Amino acid sequence: MVGPGRGGLSGVVEVDETCLGGSESGGNRGGGTGNKALVVIAVGCEGKRLGGVRMPVITNASWESLGVFIGENISKGSTILTDGWPAYAKLEAEGYRHEFYNQNEATQGEETLPQVYLVVSLLKRWLLGIRQGAVQPKHLQGYLEEYTFRFNRKNSAQRGLLFYRLLGNAILIEPLTYRKLVEG
């Protein structure tokens, strides 16, 4: 559902990571846990309105994983808002403006990345409604792409043309065989 050659997010963009999957106690920050997958989410901010989103599954929250995602999905020169996770420290050297919030120093009740938190909340509710929370990690990226497609077209003036957009993408993108689908 993701169109080839789509442009990157630009302007002010909030970026954070979250774990998605079944309930589980424990776990470690910076990497997926047993039956959870780590997802990085970028949300374009248009004032108080939500812009476009991007959200792939990543292997860990290191600069190597986050840097590849940011380079492929956010235009150089954009302002990136993050939490204080150390992996984001290289953003300015890569040509981005970086602002971060130290969540330990945030005032009570202040949301440091409200756009990302809203998208994460909506995504989790959508997954609970569609799959009752039972999304296998090997299929999660497909669900994230569907959600991104729908979310990025939420204000489309011609909703009936979305099906034609999907058909156009189907022509431009390599087919997904059943074998590739079930192997993840």
Foldseek 3Di string as FASTA:
>chain_A
DDFPPDAAAAAEKEKDKDWAADDDPDDDAWAYDDQIFIKMKIWHDDDPDTAAMDIDTFGTNALVGVVVVCVVHYDAAHEYEYAVPPRCVCNVVVRYHYDYHDPVPDDPPDDRRVNVVVVVVVLCVVCCVPVVRHDGPLCVRVSSVVVSLCVNCVPPPCVVCSVVVVVVRCVVDDDDDPVNSVVD
